[in-house]
Amino acid sequence: MTENVLFVCKSCQIKPDKDAAEASSKTDREGIQLLNQLLALYQNWAHQTKLEIREVGCLWTCDQPCAVAFANRHKATYLFTQVLPSEARALLHFGELYIDSKDGSIPWKQLPEVLQSAEIARIPQV
């Protein structure tokens, strides 16, 4: 098991309309679509042994879906929100930067371009 984990919120829904949320199936949610995109790309990704992908029920960013978090107990944690399912490849690219970093500090200019416009929080290591 690796120390680097990518948490993916599977309940994220970009257009959280009450009626639509009840009517739509869980597989229609963008959080599930993002998770599926990541898992498909992960199958052929060279760093599988260094990053584990875990789905979580909710990351509590419902007003800014989709949400993911990169975590490692020895590094800063990153929370990205407003990530589209089509940006899964960029997340794995960020994962490579995160894996290679000593303390989890990634300069903003090194982020994949599509993630530079995402909402980002960097939480220092405890």
Protein backbone atom coordinates (compact mmCIF):
# COMPACT_ATOMS: atom_id res chain seq x y z
CA MET A 1 0.00 0.00 0.00
CA THR A 2 1.29 3.46 -0.89
CA GLU A 3 1.43 6.53 1.31
CA ASN A 4 0.16 8.80 -1.50
CA VAL A 5 -3.61 8.78 -1.85
CA LEU A 6 -5.95 10.53 -4.26
CA PHE A 7 -9.41 10.84 -2.72
CA VAL A 8 -12.23 11.34 -5.23
CA CYS A 9 -15.69 12.51 -4.15
CA LYS A 10 -18.15 10.21 -5.86
CA SER A 11 -21.26 12.21 -4.90
CA CYS A 12 -20.22 15.44 -6.62
CA GLN A 13 -22.78 16.78 -9.03
CA ILE A 14 -22.03 19.93 -11.04
CA LYS A 15 -25.65 21.01 -11.34
CA PRO A 16 -27.11 20.06 -7.95
CA ASP A 17 -30.78 20.59 -8.71
CA LYS A 18 -32.94 18.94 -6.04
CA ASP A 19 -35.41 17.40 -8.48
CA ALA A 20 -32.69 16.36 -10.92
CA ALA A 21 -30.56 14.91 -8.11
CA GLU A 22 -33.40 12.64 -7.05
CA ALA A 23 -34.26 11.68 -10.62
CA SER A 24 -30.74 11.10 -11.92
CA SER A 25 -28.91 7.89 -11.34
CA LYS A 26 -25.73 7.90 -9.30
CA THR A 27 -23.70 7.02 -12.41
CA ASP A 28 -24.77 10.33 -14.01
CA ARG A 29 -22.97 12.31 -11.32
CA GLU A 30 -19.80 14.02 -12.45
CA GLY A 31 -17.96 12.73 -9.37
CA ILE A 32 -18.55 9.15 -10.55
CA GLN A 33 -17.62 10.12 -14.11
CA LEU A 34 -14.36 11.66 -12.85
CA LEU A 35 -13.62 8.58 -10.75
CA ASN A 36 -14.27 6.29 -13.74
CA GLN A 37 -12.05 8.42 -16.00
CA LEU A 38 -9.25 8.31 -13.43
CA LEU A 39 -9.54 4.56 -12.95
CA ALA A 40 -9.48 3.95 -16.72
CA LEU A 41 -6.32 6.05 -17.17
CA TYR A 42 -4.80 4.56 -14.01
CA GLN A 43 -4.80 1.08 -15.56
CA ASN A 44 -1.94 2.10 -17.91
CA TRP A 45 -0.32 4.69 -15.66
CA ALA A 46 3.36 4.13 -14.84
CA HIS A 47 3.03 5.20 -11.18
CA GLN A 48 0.28 2.86 -9.97
CA THR A 49 2.42 1.53 -7.12
CA LYS A 50 3.06 5.06 -5.82
CA LEU A 51 -0.49 6.47 -5.74
CA GLU A 52 -3.68 4.84 -4.55
CA ILE A 53 -7.05 6.12 -5.77
CA ARG A 54 -9.83 5.95 -3.17
CA GLU A 55 -13.43 6.95 -3.63
CA VAL A 56 -15.13 8.79 -0.77
CA GLY A 57 -18.80 9.47 -0.21
CA CYS A 58 -18.43 13.24 0.13
CA LEU A 59 -15.69 15.84 0.54
CA TRP A 60 -18.19 18.54 1.61
CA THR A 61 -17.56 20.93 -1.27
CA CYS A 62 -21.02 20.54 -2.76
CA ASP A 63 -21.16 24.18 -3.91
CA GLN A 64 -17.92 23.65 -5.90
CA PRO A 65 -17.95 20.16 -7.44
CA CYS A 66 -16.07 18.02 -8.46
CA ALA A 67 -13.64 17.61 -5.56
CA VAL A 68 -10.49 15.56 -5.14
CA ALA A 69 -7.71 15.58 -2.55
CA PHE A 70 -4.11 14.40 -2.67
CA ALA A 71 -2.85 13.34 0.74
CA ASN A 72 0.20 11.82 2.39
CA ARG A 73 0.90 12.00 6.12
CA HIS A 74 4.40 13.34 5.40
CA LYS A 75 3.38 15.97 2.84
CA ALA A 76 1.05 18.91 2.39
CA THR A 77 -2.47 17.94 1.34
CA TYR A 78 -4.04 19.45 -1.78
CA LEU A 79 -7.78 19.88 -2.26
CA PHE A 80 -8.96 20.66 -5.79
CA THR A 81 -12.55 21.64 -6.50
CA GLN A 82 -14.36 22.53 -9.72
CA VAL A 83 -12.50 19.76 -11.54
CA LEU A 84 -14.26 18.40 -14.63
CA PRO A 85 -14.25 14.67 -15.49
CA SER A 86 -12.33 15.56 -18.66
CA GLU A 87 -9.43 16.76 -16.49
CA ALA A 88 -8.57 13.30 -15.13
CA ARG A 89 -5.31 13.13 -17.11
CA ALA A 90 -4.20 16.45 -15.58
CA LEU A 91 -4.90 15.09 -12.11
CA LEU A 92 -2.64 12.12 -12.76
CA HIS A 93 0.03 14.51 -14.05
CA PHE A 94 -0.28 16.44 -10.79
CA GLY A 95 -0.06 13.09 -9.01
CA GLU A 96 3.36 12.55 -10.58
CA LEU A 97 4.52 15.96 -9.32
CA TYR A 98 3.11 15.18 -5.89
CA ILE A 99 4.79 11.77 -5.72
CA ASP A 100 8.14 13.28 -6.72
CA SER A 101 7.96 16.16 -4.24
CA LYS A 102 9.69 15.89 -0.89
CA ASP A 103 7.13 17.76 1.18
CA GLY A 104 4.18 18.11 -1.20
CA SER A 105 4.98 21.68 -2.21
CA ILE A 106 4.23 22.13 -5.89
CA PRO A 107 4.74 25.60 -7.40
CA TRP A 108 1.53 26.91 -8.97
CA LYS A 109 3.26 27.44 -12.33
CA GLN A 110 4.09 23.71 -12.49
CA LEU A 111 0.43 22.70 -12.19
CA PRO A 112 -1.15 21.34 -15.36
CA GLU A 113 -2.76 24.34 -17.05
CA VAL A 114 -6.35 23.08 -16.68
CA LEU A 115 -5.84 22.74 -12.92
CA GLN A 116 -4.55 26.29 -12.55
CA SER A 117 -8.13 27.55 -12.86
CA ALA A 118 -9.50 25.02 -10.36
CA GLU A 119 -10.11 26.08 -6.79
CA ILE A 120 -7.14 24.83 -4.81
CA ALA A 121 -6.32 24.57 -1.13
CA ARG A 122 -2.91 23.53 0.14
CA ILE A 123 -3.04 22.30 3.70
CA PRO A 124 0.35 22.14 5.44
CA GLN A 125 1.68 18.91 6.84
CA VAL A 126 0.89 18.44 10.52
